[in-house]
Amino acid sequence: MKLIPTAIPEVVLLEPKVFGDERGFFFESWNKRTFTELGIAADFVQDNHSKSQKNVLRGLHYQIEHAQGKLVRVTAGAVYDVAVDLRRSSPTFGRWVGFTLSAEDKRMAWIPPGFAHGFCVTSDYAEFLYKTTDYWSPAHERTLLWNDPQLAIPWPLSGEPLLATKDKTGTLLAQTETFA
């Protein structure tokens, strides 16, 4: 497994060793020992799987209590994935990092607790899987506004995004609940 740093040191891309032949391919998407050796000591408690069409934008989501670390990957199609640092004590507070994840490149991303996370689908459709370090807690779920001018994220959309109500009505960074 190769660790690829991003502009925010705690958010990393992970490139698995893929073994392929005429039958297809195989790779380890999770191995606790390997991830611990890479500095990611995470105990996952929940797996989630979504399918979305082109221009669906999901996020930017986080839980103010029961903060979730997420190991994310795409199994069909491609997405533009974004993590926003919401840790006030961090030197990168309020900064974001974005990257493409695709079924073709098989890269994964580690988004630690304390970050808002979201993605938009750039292919005709995408299937997105993620492991979380804490359970979904609807009472503590929050949404940072995807198009906050302070963040100025250049989402690669083809027209208007398809959004859930909670994503349309997210809060601005200046007004959102954050982590210590």
N, C-alpha and C. Protein backbone atom coordinates (compact mmCIF):
# COMPACT_ATOMS: atom_id res chain seq x y z
N MET A 1 0.86 -1.17 0.00
CA MET A 1 0.00 0.00 0.00
C MET A 1 0.90 1.23 0.00
N LYS A 2 0.65 2.14 -0.91
CA LYS A 2 1.44 3.36 -1.01
C LYS A 2 0.62 4.52 -0.44
N LEU A 3 1.23 5.29 0.47
CA LEU A 3 0.59 6.46 1.05
C LEU A 3 1.00 7.69 0.25
N ILE A 4 0.01 8.47 -0.19
CA ILE A 4 0.26 9.67 -0.98
C ILE A 4 -0.23 10.87 -0.19
N PRO A 5 0.67 11.78 0.21
CA PRO A 5 0.24 12.93 1.01
C PRO A 5 -0.59 13.92 0.20
N THR A 6 -1.39 14.71 0.92
CA THR A 6 -2.14 15.81 0.31
C THR A 6 -1.70 17.11 0.97
N ALA A 7 -2.29 18.21 0.59
CA ALA A 7 -1.94 19.52 1.15
C ALA A 7 -2.30 19.63 2.63
N ILE A 8 -3.18 18.78 3.11
CA ILE A 8 -3.49 18.70 4.54
C ILE A 8 -2.92 17.38 5.02
N PRO A 9 -1.88 17.42 5.86
CA PRO A 9 -1.13 16.20 6.19
C PRO A 9 -1.95 15.03 6.72
N GLU A 10 -3.02 15.28 7.46
CA GLU A 10 -3.79 14.18 8.03
C GLU A 10 -4.70 13.48 7.02
N VAL A 11 -5.01 14.15 5.92
CA VAL A 11 -5.82 13.56 4.84
C VAL A 11 -4.85 12.97 3.83
N VAL A 12 -4.95 11.67 3.60
CA VAL A 12 -4.01 11.00 2.70
C VAL A 12 -4.76 10.15 1.68
N LEU A 13 -4.11 9.98 0.53
CA LEU A 13 -4.58 9.03 -0.47
C LEU A 13 -3.81 7.74 -0.27
N LEU A 14 -4.46 6.65 -0.56
CA LEU A 14 -3.85 5.33 -0.41
C LEU A 14 -3.99 4.59 -1.73
N GLU A 15 -2.86 4.10 -2.22
CA GLU A 15 -2.85 3.39 -3.48
C GLU A 15 -2.51 1.93 -3.20
N PRO A 16 -3.48 1.03 -3.37
CA PRO A 16 -3.22 -0.37 -3.07
C PRO A 16 -2.38 -1.04 -4.15
N LYS A 17 -1.74 -2.14 -3.75
CA LYS A 17 -1.06 -2.99 -4.72
C LYS A 17 -2.15 -3.83 -5.38
N VAL A 18 -2.29 -3.68 -6.68
CA VAL A 18 -3.33 -4.39 -7.43
C VAL A 18 -2.68 -5.52 -8.21
N PHE A 19 -3.21 -6.71 -8.04
CA PHE A 19 -2.72 -7.88 -8.75
C PHE A 19 -3.76 -8.23 -9.80
N GLY A 20 -3.36 -8.17 -11.07
CA GLY A 20 -4.30 -8.42 -12.15
C GLY A 20 -3.77 -9.40 -13.17
N ASP A 21 -4.69 -10.06 -13.81
CA ASP A 21 -4.37 -10.95 -14.92
C ASP A 21 -5.60 -11.02 -15.83
N GLU A 22 -5.60 -12.00 -16.73
CA GLU A 22 -6.72 -12.10 -17.68
C GLU A 22 -8.07 -12.35 -17.00
N ARG A 23 -8.06 -12.80 -15.74
CA ARG A 23 -9.31 -13.07 -15.02
C ARG A 23 -9.91 -11.83 -14.39
N GLY A 24 -9.07 -10.80 -14.16
CA GLY A 24 -9.53 -9.60 -13.48
C GLY A 24 -8.46 -9.08 -12.54
N PHE A 25 -8.84 -8.68 -11.33
CA PHE A 25 -7.86 -8.14 -10.39
C PHE A 25 -8.23 -8.52 -8.96
N PHE A 26 -7.26 -8.30 -8.07
CA PHE A 26 -7.44 -8.49 -6.63
C PHE A 26 -6.59 -7.45 -5.92
N PHE A 27 -7.13 -6.87 -4.83
CA PHE A 27 -6.32 -6.04 -3.95
C PHE A 27 -6.95 -6.01 -2.56
N GLU A 28 -6.11 -5.73 -1.56
CA GLU A 28 -6.60 -5.55 -0.20
C GLU A 28 -7.04 -4.11 -0.04
N SER A 29 -8.30 -3.90 0.27
CA SER A 29 -8.79 -2.54 0.50
C SER A 29 -8.69 -2.16 1.96
N TRP A 30 -8.53 -3.13 2.84
CA TRP A 30 -8.37 -2.84 4.26
C TRP A 30 -7.57 -3.97 4.90
N ASN A 31 -6.52 -3.58 5.60
CA ASN A 31 -5.72 -4.52 6.38
C ASN A 31 -5.25 -3.72 7.59
N LYS A 32 -5.77 -4.06 8.75
CA LYS A 32 -5.49 -3.28 9.96
C LYS A 32 -3.99 -3.13 10.21
N ARG A 33 -3.23 -4.18 10.06
CA ARG A 33 -1.78 -4.13 10.31
C ARG A 33 -1.12 -3.15 9.33
N THR A 34 -1.43 -3.25 8.05
CA THR A 34 -0.83 -2.37 7.04
C THR A 34 -1.19 -0.92 7.32
N PHE A 35 -2.46 -0.65 7.61
CA PHE A 35 -2.88 0.73 7.85
C PHE A 35 -2.23 1.28 9.12
N THR A 36 -2.10 0.47 10.15
CA THR A 36 -1.43 0.91 11.38
C THR A 36 0.03 1.26 11.09
N GLU A 37 0.68 0.44 10.29
CA GLU A 37 2.07 0.73 9.90
C GLU A 37 2.18 2.04 9.12
N LEU A 38 1.12 2.41 8.41
CA LEU A 38 1.10 3.68 7.67
C LEU A 38 0.69 4.86 8.54
N GLY A 39 0.38 4.59 9.81
CA GLY A 39 -0.01 5.66 10.73
C GLY A 39 -1.49 5.91 10.84
N ILE A 40 -2.28 4.99 10.29
CA ILE A 40 -3.74 5.11 10.37
C ILE A 40 -4.26 4.01 11.29
N ALA A 41 -4.40 4.35 12.56
CA ALA A 41 -4.90 3.39 13.55
C ALA A 41 -6.39 3.62 13.72
N ALA A 42 -7.17 2.96 12.92
CA ALA A 42 -8.62 3.17 12.91
C ALA A 42 -9.34 1.86 13.19
N ASP A 43 -10.36 1.94 14.01
CA ASP A 43 -11.25 0.81 14.24
C ASP A 43 -12.58 1.14 13.60
N PHE A 44 -12.91 0.45 12.54
CA PHE A 44 -14.13 0.74 11.80
C PHE A 44 -15.32 -0.03 12.38
N VAL A 45 -16.48 0.64 12.41
CA VAL A 45 -17.68 0.04 12.99
C VAL A 45 -18.84 -0.03 12.01
N GLN A 46 -18.71 0.64 10.86
CA GLN A 46 -19.84 0.69 9.94
C GLN A 46 -19.32 0.85 8.52
N ASP A 47 -19.94 0.16 7.56
CA ASP A 47 -19.67 0.33 6.14
C ASP A 47 -20.90 0.94 5.48
N ASN A 48 -20.69 1.88 4.56
CA ASN A 48 -21.78 2.51 3.83
C ASN A 48 -21.50 2.41 2.33
N HIS A 49 -22.56 2.36 1.54
CA HIS A 49 -22.44 2.21 0.09
C HIS A 49 -23.53 3.06 -0.54
N SER A 50 -23.14 3.97 -1.45
CA SER A 50 -24.13 4.78 -2.15
C SER A 50 -23.90 4.67 -3.65
N LYS A 51 -24.98 4.89 -4.38
CA LYS A 51 -24.92 4.99 -5.83
C LYS A 51 -25.58 6.31 -6.20
N SER A 52 -24.91 7.06 -7.07
CA SER A 52 -25.41 8.38 -7.45
C SER A 52 -25.15 8.61 -8.92
N GLN A 53 -25.99 9.45 -9.52
CA GLN A 53 -25.82 9.78 -10.93
C GLN A 53 -24.94 11.02 -11.08
N LYS A 54 -24.55 11.30 -12.31
CA LYS A 54 -23.70 12.45 -12.62
C LYS A 54 -24.31 13.73 -12.03
N ASN A 55 -23.44 14.57 -11.48
CA ASN A 55 -23.78 15.87 -10.90
C ASN A 55 -24.45 15.78 -9.54
N VAL A 56 -24.59 14.59 -8.97
CA VAL A 56 -25.04 14.51 -7.58
C VAL A 56 -23.89 15.00 -6.72
N LEU A 57 -24.21 15.88 -5.79
CA LEU A 57 -23.23 16.36 -4.83
C LEU A 57 -23.74 16.00 -3.45
N ARG A 58 -22.96 15.26 -2.72
CA ARG A 58 -23.31 14.84 -1.35
C ARG A 58 -22.31 15.49 -0.39
N GLY A 59 -22.83 16.28 0.52
CA GLY A 59 -21.94 16.90 1.51
C GLY A 59 -22.11 18.40 1.57
N LEU A 60 -21.37 18.94 2.37
CA LEU A 60 -20.20 18.48 3.13
C LEU A 60 -20.66 18.06 4.52
N HIS A 61 -20.57 16.78 4.86
CA HIS A 61 -21.16 16.24 6.08
C HIS A 61 -20.11 15.97 7.16
N TYR A 62 -20.57 16.09 8.40
CA TYR A 62 -19.75 15.69 9.56
C TYR A 62 -20.68 15.52 10.75
N GLN A 63 -20.16 14.93 11.80
CA GLN A 63 -20.91 14.76 13.05
C GLN A 63 -20.16 15.51 14.14
N ILE A 64 -20.83 16.45 14.79
CA ILE A 64 -20.19 17.28 15.80
C ILE A 64 -19.84 16.47 17.05
N GLU A 65 -20.63 15.49 17.38
CA GLU A 65 -20.28 14.49 18.38
C GLU A 65 -20.24 13.16 17.64
N HIS A 66 -19.55 12.20 18.20
CA HIS A 66 -19.37 10.91 17.51
C HIS A 66 -18.72 11.15 16.13
N ALA A 67 -17.70 12.00 16.12
CA ALA A 67 -17.00 12.33 14.87
C ALA A 67 -16.51 11.05 14.20
N GLN A 68 -16.65 11.01 12.90
CA GLN A 68 -16.30 9.82 12.14
C GLN A 68 -15.03 10.03 11.32
N GLY A 69 -14.10 9.10 11.44
CA GLY A 69 -13.04 8.98 10.46
C GLY A 69 -13.62 8.13 9.33
N LYS A 70 -13.21 8.41 8.10
CA LYS A 70 -13.77 7.69 6.95
C LYS A 70 -12.66 7.22 6.02
N LEU A 71 -12.74 5.96 5.63
CA LEU A 71 -11.91 5.41 4.57
C LEU A 71 -12.83 5.28 3.37
N VAL A 72 -12.58 6.07 2.32
CA VAL A 72 -13.52 6.16 1.20
C VAL A 72 -12.89 5.66 -0.09
N ARG A 73 -13.74 5.07 -0.93
CA ARG A 73 -13.27 4.62 -2.25
C ARG A 73 -14.45 4.50 -3.20
N VAL A 74 -14.14 4.46 -4.48
CA VAL A 74 -15.14 4.36 -5.54
C VAL A 74 -15.01 2.99 -6.19
N THR A 75 -16.13 2.29 -6.34
CA THR A 75 -16.09 0.96 -6.97
C THR A 75 -16.65 0.96 -8.39
N ALA A 76 -17.31 2.05 -8.78
CA ALA A 76 -17.79 2.22 -10.15
C ALA A 76 -17.82 3.71 -10.44
N GLY A 77 -17.27 4.11 -11.59
CA GLY A 77 -17.29 5.52 -11.97
C GLY A 77 -16.20 6.33 -11.31
N ALA A 78 -16.49 7.64 -11.15
CA ALA A 78 -15.50 8.57 -10.60
C ALA A 78 -16.19 9.70 -9.86
N VAL A 79 -15.51 10.22 -8.84
CA VAL A 79 -16.01 11.35 -8.07
C VAL A 79 -14.87 12.34 -7.82
N TYR A 80 -15.27 13.58 -7.52
CA TYR A 80 -14.34 14.56 -6.98
C TYR A 80 -14.65 14.61 -5.49
N ASP A 81 -13.67 14.27 -4.68
CA ASP A 81 -13.84 14.10 -3.24
C ASP A 81 -13.19 15.27 -2.51
N VAL A 82 -13.86 15.77 -1.45
CA VAL A 82 -13.37 16.94 -0.73
C VAL A 82 -13.43 16.71 0.77
N ALA A 83 -12.39 17.16 1.48
CA ALA A 83 -12.36 17.16 2.95
C ALA A 83 -12.03 18.58 3.41
N VAL A 84 -12.79 19.07 4.40
CA VAL A 84 -12.58 20.41 4.95
C VAL A 84 -12.22 20.28 6.42
N ASP A 85 -11.12 20.87 6.82
CA ASP A 85 -10.64 20.81 8.20
C ASP A 85 -11.50 21.72 9.09
N LEU A 86 -12.18 21.12 10.07
CA LEU A 86 -13.04 21.86 11.00
C LEU A 86 -12.48 21.86 12.42
N ARG A 87 -11.19 21.58 12.56
CA ARG A 87 -10.54 21.55 13.88
C ARG A 87 -9.92 22.93 14.15
N ARG A 88 -10.54 23.70 15.04
CA ARG A 88 -10.08 25.08 15.31
C ARG A 88 -8.62 25.14 15.74
N SER A 89 -8.12 24.11 16.42
CA SER A 89 -6.73 24.12 16.89
C SER A 89 -5.73 23.75 15.80
N SER A 90 -6.21 23.40 14.63
CA SER A 90 -5.34 22.95 13.54
C SER A 90 -4.80 24.14 12.74
N PRO A 91 -3.54 24.06 12.30
CA PRO A 91 -3.00 25.11 11.43
C PRO A 91 -3.69 25.15 10.07
N THR A 92 -4.42 24.08 9.72
CA THR A 92 -5.13 24.06 8.43
C THR A 92 -6.64 24.25 8.61
N PHE A 93 -7.06 24.78 9.76
CA PHE A 93 -8.49 25.01 10.00
C PHE A 93 -9.08 25.84 8.85
N GLY A 94 -10.25 25.39 8.35
CA GLY A 94 -10.95 26.11 7.30
C GLY A 94 -10.41 25.87 5.91
N ARG A 95 -9.34 25.09 5.79
CA ARG A 95 -8.81 24.76 4.47
C ARG A 95 -9.41 23.44 4.00
N TRP A 96 -9.40 23.27 2.71
CA TRP A 96 -9.95 22.04 2.13
C TRP A 96 -8.92 21.44 1.17
N VAL A 97 -9.11 20.16 0.91
CA VAL A 97 -8.32 19.46 -0.08
C VAL A 97 -9.28 18.63 -0.92
N GLY A 98 -9.03 18.58 -2.23
CA GLY A 98 -9.89 17.82 -3.14
C GLY A 98 -9.07 16.99 -4.10
N PHE A 99 -9.64 15.87 -4.53
CA PHE A 99 -8.94 14.95 -5.42
C PHE A 99 -9.96 14.06 -6.09
N THR A 100 -9.56 13.46 -7.19
CA THR A 100 -10.42 12.52 -7.91
C THR A 100 -10.17 11.12 -7.39
N LEU A 101 -11.26 10.40 -7.15
CA LEU A 101 -11.20 8.97 -6.84
C LEU A 101 -11.99 8.26 -7.92
N SER A 102 -11.48 7.13 -8.38
CA SER A 102 -12.20 6.41 -9.43
C SER A 102 -12.05 4.91 -9.26
N ALA A 103 -12.98 4.19 -9.84
CA ALA A 103 -12.88 2.73 -9.85
C ALA A 103 -11.65 2.30 -10.65
N GLU A 104 -11.30 3.07 -11.64
CA GLU A 104 -10.17 2.73 -12.49
C GLU A 104 -8.84 2.79 -11.73
N ASP A 105 -8.61 3.87 -10.96
CA ASP A 105 -7.32 3.98 -10.28
C ASP A 105 -7.29 3.26 -8.92
N LYS A 106 -8.46 2.93 -8.38
CA LYS A 106 -8.60 2.15 -7.15
C LYS A 106 -7.99 2.82 -5.91
N ARG A 107 -7.68 4.11 -6.02
CA ARG A 107 -7.17 4.82 -4.85
C ARG A 107 -8.27 5.01 -3.83
N MET A 108 -7.85 5.10 -2.57
CA MET A 108 -8.75 5.36 -1.46
C MET A 108 -8.27 6.63 -0.77
N ALA A 109 -9.12 7.19 0.08
CA ALA A 109 -8.71 8.35 0.87
C ALA A 109 -9.07 8.12 2.32
N TRP A 110 -8.20 8.57 3.20
CA TRP A 110 -8.45 8.56 4.64
C TRP A 110 -8.81 9.98 5.04
N ILE A 111 -10.04 10.15 5.56
CA ILE A 111 -10.52 11.43 6.06
C ILE A 111 -10.67 11.26 7.57
N PRO A 112 -9.80 11.86 8.37
CA PRO A 112 -9.87 11.64 9.82
C PRO A 112 -11.04 12.35 10.48
N PRO A 113 -11.37 11.98 11.72
CA PRO A 113 -12.39 12.73 12.46
C PRO A 113 -12.00 14.20 12.54
N GLY A 114 -13.01 15.07 12.56
CA GLY A 114 -12.76 16.51 12.63
C GLY A 114 -12.83 17.20 11.29
N PHE A 115 -13.18 16.47 10.25
CA PHE A 115 -13.28 17.01 8.90
C PHE A 115 -14.71 16.87 8.38
N ALA A 116 -15.17 17.87 7.62
CA ALA A 116 -16.39 17.71 6.82
C ALA A 116 -15.97 17.01 5.54
N HIS A 117 -16.87 16.22 4.99
CA HIS A 117 -16.54 15.42 3.81
C HIS A 117 -17.69 15.46 2.82
N GLY A 118 -17.35 15.48 1.54
CA GLY A 118 -18.37 15.42 0.50
C GLY A 118 -17.74 15.04 -0.82
N PHE A 119 -18.61 14.78 -1.80
CA PHE A 119 -18.12 14.45 -3.13
C PHE A 119 -19.18 14.79 -4.16
N CYS A 120 -18.74 14.97 -5.40
CA CYS A 120 -19.67 15.10 -6.52
C CYS A 120 -19.28 14.07 -7.57
N VAL A 121 -20.29 13.55 -8.24
CA VAL A 121 -20.08 12.50 -9.24
C VAL A 121 -19.72 13.14 -10.57
N THR A 122 -18.60 12.72 -11.14
CA THR A 122 -18.13 13.27 -12.40
C THR A 122 -18.32 12.33 -13.58
N SER A 123 -18.65 11.08 -13.32
CA SER A 123 -18.93 10.10 -14.37
C SER A 123 -20.46 10.00 -14.52
N ASP A 124 -20.93 9.16 -15.43
CA ASP A 124 -22.38 9.00 -15.61
C ASP A 124 -23.06 8.58 -14.32
N TYR A 125 -22.39 7.75 -13.55
CA TYR A 125 -22.85 7.37 -12.21
C TYR A 125 -21.63 6.90 -11.44
N ALA A 126 -21.77 6.79 -10.14
CA ALA A 126 -20.67 6.28 -9.32
C ALA A 126 -21.23 5.52 -8.14
N GLU A 127 -20.51 4.48 -7.75
CA GLU A 127 -20.79 3.78 -6.50
C GLU A 127 -19.64 4.09 -5.56
N PHE A 128 -20.01 4.50 -4.34
CA PHE A 128 -19.07 5.04 -3.36
C PHE A 128 -19.20 4.22 -2.10
N LEU A 129 -18.07 3.69 -1.61
CA LEU A 129 -18.07 2.91 -0.37
C LEU A 129 -17.21 3.62 0.66
N TYR A 130 -17.68 3.59 1.90
CA TYR A 130 -16.84 4.14 2.96
C TYR A 130 -17.06 3.43 4.27
N LYS A 131 -15.93 3.25 4.95
CA LYS A 131 -15.90 2.67 6.28
C LYS A 131 -15.85 3.83 7.26
N THR A 132 -16.54 3.72 8.41
CA THR A 132 -16.52 4.79 9.40
C THR A 132 -16.07 4.27 10.75
N THR A 133 -15.46 5.18 11.52
CA THR A 133 -14.94 4.83 12.84
C THR A 133 -15.96 5.03 13.95
N ASP A 134 -17.11 5.60 13.63
CA ASP A 134 -18.20 5.71 14.60
C ASP A 134 -19.50 5.55 13.84
N TYR A 135 -20.55 5.25 14.58
CA TYR A 135 -21.86 5.02 13.98
C TYR A 135 -22.51 6.32 13.55
N TRP A 136 -23.39 6.22 12.57
CA TRP A 136 -24.17 7.37 12.15
C TRP A 136 -25.03 7.83 13.31
N SER A 137 -25.01 9.11 13.59
CA SER A 137 -25.76 9.69 14.69
C SER A 137 -26.54 10.89 14.15
N PRO A 138 -27.78 10.67 13.69
CA PRO A 138 -28.55 11.75 13.06
C PRO A 138 -28.66 13.01 13.91
N ALA A 139 -28.74 12.86 15.23
CA ALA A 139 -28.87 14.03 16.11
C ALA A 139 -27.62 14.90 16.09
N HIS A 140 -26.48 14.33 15.70
CA HIS A 140 -25.23 15.08 15.71
C HIS A 140 -24.71 15.39 14.30
N GLU A 141 -25.45 14.97 13.29
CA GLU A 141 -25.01 15.23 11.92
C GLU A 141 -25.17 16.71 11.59
N ARG A 142 -24.17 17.25 10.92
CA ARG A 142 -24.18 18.64 10.50
C ARG A 142 -23.76 18.69 9.03
N THR A 143 -24.12 19.80 8.37
CA THR A 143 -23.76 19.99 6.97
C THR A 143 -23.15 21.37 6.78
N LEU A 144 -21.95 21.39 6.28
CA LEU A 144 -21.27 22.62 5.89
C LEU A 144 -21.70 22.91 4.45
N LEU A 145 -22.07 24.15 4.17
CA LEU A 145 -22.60 24.50 2.86
C LEU A 145 -21.57 24.24 1.76
N TRP A 146 -21.96 23.46 0.79
CA TRP A 146 -21.08 23.00 -0.28
C TRP A 146 -20.49 24.15 -1.10
N ASN A 147 -21.25 25.25 -1.23
CA ASN A 147 -20.79 26.36 -2.06
C ASN A 147 -20.47 27.61 -1.24
N ASP A 148 -20.01 27.43 -0.02
CA ASP A 148 -19.62 28.54 0.85
C ASP A 148 -18.56 29.37 0.12
N PRO A 149 -18.81 30.68 -0.09
CA PRO A 149 -17.82 31.51 -0.80
C PRO A 149 -16.47 31.58 -0.09
N GLN A 150 -16.47 31.43 1.24
CA GLN A 150 -15.20 31.45 1.97
C GLN A 150 -14.33 30.25 1.60
N LEU A 151 -14.94 29.11 1.32
CA LEU A 151 -14.21 27.92 0.91
C LEU A 151 -13.84 27.97 -0.57
N ALA A 152 -14.76 28.45 -1.41
CA ALA A 152 -14.54 28.59 -2.85
C ALA A 152 -14.04 27.29 -3.49
N ILE A 153 -14.73 26.20 -3.19
CA ILE A 153 -14.36 24.90 -3.77
C ILE A 153 -14.80 24.88 -5.24
N PRO A 154 -13.90 24.62 -6.17
CA PRO A 154 -14.26 24.57 -7.59
C PRO A 154 -14.80 23.19 -7.99
N TRP A 155 -16.00 22.88 -7.54
CA TRP A 155 -16.59 21.58 -7.85
C TRP A 155 -16.66 21.41 -9.37
N PRO A 156 -16.22 20.28 -9.92
CA PRO A 156 -16.26 20.05 -11.37
C PRO A 156 -17.63 19.54 -11.81
N LEU A 157 -18.60 20.43 -11.80
CA LEU A 157 -19.98 20.08 -12.14
C LEU A 157 -20.29 20.43 -13.58
N SER A 158 -21.21 19.68 -14.18
CA SER A 158 -21.73 19.98 -15.51
C SER A 158 -23.14 20.52 -15.31
N GLY A 159 -23.24 21.79 -14.96
CA GLY A 159 -24.55 22.38 -14.66
C GLY A 159 -24.80 22.42 -13.17
N GLU A 160 -26.05 22.54 -12.81
CA GLU A 160 -26.44 22.63 -11.39
C GLU A 160 -26.31 21.26 -10.72
N PRO A 161 -25.85 21.24 -9.46
CA PRO A 161 -25.75 19.97 -8.76
C PRO A 161 -27.11 19.45 -8.32
N LEU A 162 -27.21 18.14 -8.21
CA LEU A 162 -28.40 17.51 -7.63
C LEU A 162 -28.11 17.33 -6.15
N LEU A 163 -28.91 17.98 -5.30
CA LEU A 163 -28.64 18.06 -3.87
C LEU A 163 -29.80 17.56 -3.04
N ALA A 164 -29.50 16.96 -1.90
CA ALA A 164 -30.51 16.66 -0.89
C ALA A 164 -30.87 17.97 -0.19
N THR A 165 -32.02 18.02 0.44
CA THR A 165 -32.44 19.22 1.15
C THR A 165 -31.40 19.65 2.18
N LYS A 166 -30.87 18.71 2.95
CA LYS A 166 -29.89 19.08 3.98
C LYS A 166 -28.64 19.69 3.37
N ASP A 167 -28.30 19.32 2.14
CA ASP A 167 -27.12 19.87 1.49
C ASP A 167 -27.39 21.27 0.92
N LYS A 168 -28.63 21.53 0.53
CA LYS A 168 -29.01 22.86 0.06
C LYS A 168 -29.01 23.88 1.19
N THR A 169 -29.26 23.41 2.41
CA THR A 169 -29.44 24.32 3.54
C THR A 169 -28.32 24.22 4.57
N GLY A 170 -27.14 23.80 4.16
CA GLY A 170 -26.00 23.72 5.06
C GLY A 170 -25.62 25.08 5.61
N THR A 171 -24.72 25.10 6.58
CA THR A 171 -24.29 26.36 7.19
C THR A 171 -22.94 26.79 6.63
N LEU A 172 -22.71 28.08 6.69
CA LEU A 172 -21.44 28.65 6.27
C LEU A 172 -20.36 28.31 7.30
N LEU A 173 -19.11 28.24 6.86
CA LEU A 173 -18.00 27.95 7.75
C LEU A 173 -17.99 28.91 8.94
N ALA A 174 -18.24 30.18 8.70
CA ALA A 174 -18.19 31.19 9.76
C ALA A 174 -19.25 30.96 10.84
N GLN A 175 -20.30 30.17 10.51
CA GLN A 175 -21.40 29.96 11.46
C GLN A 175 -21.57 28.51 11.89
N THR A 176 -20.78 27.62 11.32
CA THR A 176 -20.97 26.20 11.61
C THR A 176 -20.31 25.79 12.93
N GLU A 177 -20.83 24.73 13.51
CA GLU A 177 -20.19 24.17 14.70
C GLU A 177 -18.89 23.49 14.27
N THR A 178 -17.85 23.67 15.08
CA THR A 178 -16.55 23.11 14.72
C THR A 178 -16.00 22.32 15.91
N PHE A 179 -14.85 21.74 15.71
CA PHE A 179 -14.17 20.95 16.73
C PHE A 179 -13.11 21.80 17.41
N ALA A 180 -12.73 21.43 18.62
CA ALA A 180 -11.70 22.17 19.38
C ALA A 180 -10.36 22.10 18.68
